[in-house]
Every structure is written in C-alpha cells, then in structure tokens.
C-alpha cells in the first residue's frame, strides 16, 4: 500500500525537520518509528531552492549543510512549477519488510519554506 506523509516543509533553512514531521500524535508523532518497505522524496513544485536529505542526524539536529555530514541526497528546485523536472530520490530494502525507518531521514533547505513530498510503500 502506498502511504503519503504529505508535504514536509523546512520552515527555517538550517533547522532540519524529520521526513515524518506530519505524522499525527495519534500515530506516534514525528519521532515514532515509521517502518516502510521503501520511500520516495520529491522536490515540491513551488520550491525555488534546494532541499537536502540527511540520514540519522543527532537529536536535536544541527545545521550540516556546509559539512555534508550525513548528507545522502540533494533535491534541486524544479525549472518549472508546472512542467518540472521534479527531482526525486528513493530508498528501499526490497527483502526486509519495514526495513527503512522513515524517521531517520531529515530535511533541510537552502532557503526558508522549501519542501519535499514524502511517500512510502508500507
């Protein structure tokens, strides 16, 4: 089953947010383990700057954009909000059910208000 984790927005560049930032408290909240088979992160069509994807940052996280510590992907802003191309990155463990913990992924951005659309196979 495909599950949407919604549009995850980096409100303040330099202050990372979890890819699970939109998980409601009734489902354990953003810090609860979200075991998925695979996941995809796509640059939001409205982005004007890059979104950085990091793995397993310290909690609370710190700004790692310059050092690149934990950096696993950079999603470029689309050339056109209507036609893209829309940068995406996917992660998965096809032979391990729920092997990817989505809350281990963090997003940061080159400018305030950038976002990624997060989805997963569960």
C-alpha atoms as a PDB file:
ATOM      1  CA  UNK A   1       0.000   0.000   0.000  1.00  0.00           C
ATOM      2  CA  UNK A   2       1.226   3.491  -0.832  1.00  0.00           C
ATOM      3  CA  UNK A   3       1.138   5.958   2.062  1.00  0.00           C
ATOM      4  CA  UNK A   4       1.546   9.717   1.826  1.00  0.00           C
ATOM      5  CA  UNK A   5       3.437  11.533   4.558  1.00  0.00           C
ATOM      6  CA  UNK A   6       2.460  14.795   2.891  1.00  0.00           C
ATOM      7  CA  UNK A   7       4.375  17.922   2.059  1.00  0.00           C
ATOM      8  CA  UNK A   8       7.138  18.366   4.631  1.00  0.00           C
ATOM      9  CA  UNK A   9       8.271  21.977   4.834  1.00  0.00           C
ATOM     10  CA  UNK A  10      11.563  23.303   6.150  1.00  0.00           C
ATOM     11  CA  UNK A  11      10.261  26.449   7.797  1.00  0.00           C
ATOM     12  CA  UNK A  12      13.713  27.837   8.621  1.00  0.00           C
ATOM     13  CA  UNK A  13      16.731  26.908   6.497  1.00  0.00           C
ATOM     14  CA  UNK A  14      19.460  25.495   8.718  1.00  0.00           C
ATOM     15  CA  UNK A  15      16.954  23.910  11.104  1.00  0.00           C
ATOM     16  CA  UNK A  16      16.331  20.340   9.868  1.00  0.00           C
ATOM     17  CA  UNK A  17      12.951  18.646  10.183  1.00  0.00           C
ATOM     18  CA  UNK A  18      12.132  14.942  10.110  1.00  0.00           C
ATOM     19  CA  UNK A  19      10.678  13.413   6.956  1.00  0.00           C
ATOM     20  CA  UNK A  20       7.936  12.243   9.332  1.00  0.00           C
ATOM     21  CA  UNK A  21       7.178  15.773  10.574  1.00  0.00           C
ATOM     22  CA  UNK A  22       3.497  15.435   9.581  1.00  0.00           C
ATOM     23  CA  UNK A  23       2.799  12.175  11.455  1.00  0.00           C
ATOM     24  CA  UNK A  24      -0.018  12.948  13.912  1.00  0.00           C
ATOM     25  CA  UNK A  25       0.307  12.248  17.632  1.00  0.00           C
ATOM     26  CA  UNK A  26      -2.407   9.580  17.318  1.00  0.00           C
ATOM     27  CA  UNK A  27       0.049   7.609  15.148  1.00  0.00           C
ATOM     28  CA  UNK A  28       3.031   8.175  17.439  1.00  0.00           C
ATOM     29  CA  UNK A  29       4.090  11.607  16.193  1.00  0.00           C
ATOM     30  CA  UNK A  30       7.178  12.515  14.164  1.00  0.00           C
ATOM     31  CA  UNK A  31       9.631  10.729  16.481  1.00  0.00           C
ATOM     32  CA  UNK A  32       7.907   7.327  16.349  1.00  0.00           C
ATOM     33  CA  UNK A  33       9.454   4.628  14.178  1.00  0.00           C
ATOM     34  CA  UNK A  34       7.831   4.575  10.737  1.00  0.00           C
ATOM     35  CA  UNK A  35       8.919   1.266   9.239  1.00  0.00           C
ATOM     36  CA  UNK A  36       8.420   1.212   5.469  1.00  0.00           C
ATOM     37  CA  UNK A  37       9.474  -1.020   2.585  1.00  0.00           C
ATOM     38  CA  UNK A  38      10.659   1.943   0.523  1.00  0.00           C
ATOM     39  CA  UNK A  39      10.197   5.685   0.349  1.00  0.00           C
ATOM     40  CA  UNK A  40      10.365   8.498  -2.171  1.00  0.00           C
ATOM     41  CA  UNK A  41      11.024  12.177  -1.617  1.00  0.00           C
ATOM     42  CA  UNK A  42      10.203  14.645  -4.380  1.00  0.00           C
ATOM     43  CA  UNK A  43      11.009  18.340  -4.595  1.00  0.00           C
ATOM     44  CA  UNK A  44       7.875  20.429  -4.137  1.00  0.00           C
ATOM     45  CA  UNK A  45       6.832  22.152  -7.390  1.00  0.00           C
ATOM     46  CA  UNK A  46       6.822  25.536  -5.617  1.00  0.00           C
ATOM     47  CA  UNK A  47      10.470  25.266  -4.457  1.00  0.00           C
ATOM     48  CA  UNK A  48      12.922  27.960  -5.513  1.00  0.00           C
ATOM     49  CA  UNK A  49      15.995  26.446  -3.827  1.00  0.00           C
ATOM     50  CA  UNK A  50      17.421  23.033  -2.937  1.00  0.00           C
ATOM     51  CA  UNK A  51      16.247  20.563  -0.293  1.00  0.00           C
ATOM     52  CA  UNK A  52      18.921  18.493   1.436  1.00  0.00           C
ATOM     53  CA  UNK A  53      18.186  14.943   2.653  1.00  0.00           C
ATOM     54  CA  UNK A  54      20.188  13.669   5.627  1.00  0.00           C
ATOM     55  CA  UNK A  55      20.273  10.306   7.403  1.00  0.00           C
ATOM     56  CA  UNK A  56      20.257   9.739  11.152  1.00  0.00           C
ATOM     57  CA  UNK A  57      21.093  13.196  12.433  1.00  0.00           C
ATOM     58  CA  UNK A  58      21.625  13.912  16.114  1.00  0.00           C
ATOM     59  CA  UNK A  59      18.551  14.878  18.061  1.00  0.00           C
ATOM     60  CA  UNK A  60      18.203  17.798  18.264  1.00  0.00           C
ATOM     61  CA  UNK A  61      19.720  18.144  14.810  1.00  0.00           C
ATOM     62  CA  UNK A  62      22.212  20.786  13.826  1.00  0.00           C
ATOM     63  CA  UNK A  63      22.909  22.582  10.567  1.00  0.00           C
ATOM     64  CA  UNK A  64      25.065  20.188   8.495  1.00  0.00           C
ATOM     65  CA  UNK A  65      24.532  21.809   5.090  1.00  0.00           C
ATOM     66  CA  UNK A  66      28.122  23.071   4.765  1.00  0.00           C
ATOM     67  CA  UNK A  67      29.895  19.998   6.140  1.00  0.00           C
ATOM     68  CA  UNK A  68      27.639  17.469   4.413  1.00  0.00           C
ATOM     69  CA  UNK A  69      27.843  15.081   7.381  1.00  0.00           C
ATOM     70  CA  UNK A  70      25.023  12.576   6.908  1.00  0.00           C
ATOM     71  CA  UNK A  71      24.027  14.066   3.534  1.00  0.00           C
ATOM     72  CA  UNK A  72      22.519  11.427   1.250  1.00  0.00           C
ATOM     73  CA  UNK A  73      20.744  13.488  -1.434  1.00  0.00           C
ATOM     74  CA  UNK A  74      20.075  16.989  -2.729  1.00  0.00           C
ATOM     75  CA  UNK A  75      16.759  17.753  -4.425  1.00  0.00           C
ATOM     76  CA  UNK A  76      17.088  20.610  -6.901  1.00  0.00           C
ATOM     77  CA  UNK A  77      14.340  23.175  -7.357  1.00  0.00           C
ATOM     78  CA  UNK A  78      12.257  22.454 -10.460  1.00  0.00           C
ATOM     79  CA  UNK A  79      12.899  24.559 -13.547  1.00  0.00           C
ATOM     80  CA  UNK A  80       9.133  24.992 -13.922  1.00  0.00           C
ATOM     81  CA  UNK A  81       6.431  24.590 -11.296  1.00  0.00           C
ATOM     82  CA  UNK A  82       4.088  23.233 -13.965  1.00  0.00           C
ATOM     83  CA  UNK A  83       6.383  21.010 -16.026  1.00  0.00           C
ATOM     84  CA  UNK A  84       9.319  20.156 -13.754  1.00  0.00           C
ATOM     85  CA  UNK A  85      11.505  18.241 -13.904  1.00  0.00           C
ATOM     86  CA  UNK A  86      10.824  17.379 -10.264  1.00  0.00           C
ATOM     87  CA  UNK A  87      13.889  15.974  -8.521  1.00  0.00           C
ATOM     88  CA  UNK A  88      13.250  12.741  -6.620  1.00  0.00           C
ATOM     89  CA  UNK A  89      15.215  10.312  -4.517  1.00  0.00           C
ATOM     90  CA  UNK A  90      14.122   6.830  -3.433  1.00  0.00           C
ATOM     91  CA  UNK A  91      15.345   4.438  -0.758  1.00  0.00           C
ATOM     92  CA  UNK A  92      14.265   0.896  -0.057  1.00  0.00           C
ATOM     93  CA  UNK A  93      15.085  -2.551   1.233  1.00  0.00           C
ATOM     94  CA  UNK A  94      13.156  -4.925  -1.001  1.00  0.00           C
ATOM     95  CA  UNK A  95      13.946  -8.022   1.040  1.00  0.00           C
ATOM     96  CA  UNK A  96      13.351  -6.536   4.518  1.00  0.00           C
ATOM     97  CA  UNK A  97       9.720  -5.655   5.312  1.00  0.00           C
ATOM     98  CA  UNK A  98       9.553  -2.307   7.121  1.00  0.00           C
ATOM     99  CA  UNK A  99      13.355  -2.161   6.896  1.00  0.00           C
ATOM    100  CA  UNK A 100      13.558   1.575   6.257  1.00  0.00           C
ATOM    101  CA  UNK A 101      12.820   3.760   9.276  1.00  0.00           C
ATOM    102  CA  UNK A 102      11.453   6.929   7.695  1.00  0.00           C
ATOM    103  CA  UNK A 103      12.016   8.992  10.830  1.00  0.00           C
ATOM    104  CA  UNK A 104      15.780   8.520  10.331  1.00  0.00           C
ATOM    105  CA  UNK A 105      15.541  10.876   7.331  1.00  0.00           C
ATOM    106  CA  UNK A 106      15.819  14.620   7.878  1.00  0.00           C
ATOM    107  CA  UNK A 107      15.248  17.541   5.514  1.00  0.00           C
ATOM    108  CA  UNK A 108      16.959  20.909   5.406  1.00  0.00           C
ATOM    109  CA  UNK A 109      16.924  23.572   2.719  1.00  0.00           C
ATOM    110  CA  UNK A 110      18.901  26.312   1.024  1.00  0.00           C
ATOM    111  CA  UNK A 111      16.166  28.850   1.790  1.00  0.00           C
ATOM    112  CA  UNK A 112      13.215  29.155   4.167  1.00  0.00           C
ATOM    113  CA  UNK A 113       9.938  27.498   3.166  1.00  0.00           C
ATOM    114  CA  UNK A 114      11.272  24.808   0.813  1.00  0.00           C
ATOM    115  CA  UNK A 115       9.504  21.428   0.915  1.00  0.00           C
ATOM    116  CA  UNK A 116       9.538  17.818  -0.206  1.00  0.00           C
ATOM    117  CA  UNK A 117       6.630  15.489  -0.879  1.00  0.00           C
ATOM    118  CA  UNK A 118       7.192  12.283   1.086  1.00  0.00           C
ATOM    119  CA  UNK A 119       5.574   8.940   0.260  1.00  0.00           C
ATOM    120  CA  UNK A 120       6.273   5.304   1.080  1.00  0.00           C
ATOM    121  CA  UNK A 121       5.327   1.695   0.426  1.00  0.00           C
ATOM    122  CA  UNK A 122       4.206   0.079   3.660  1.00  0.00           C
END
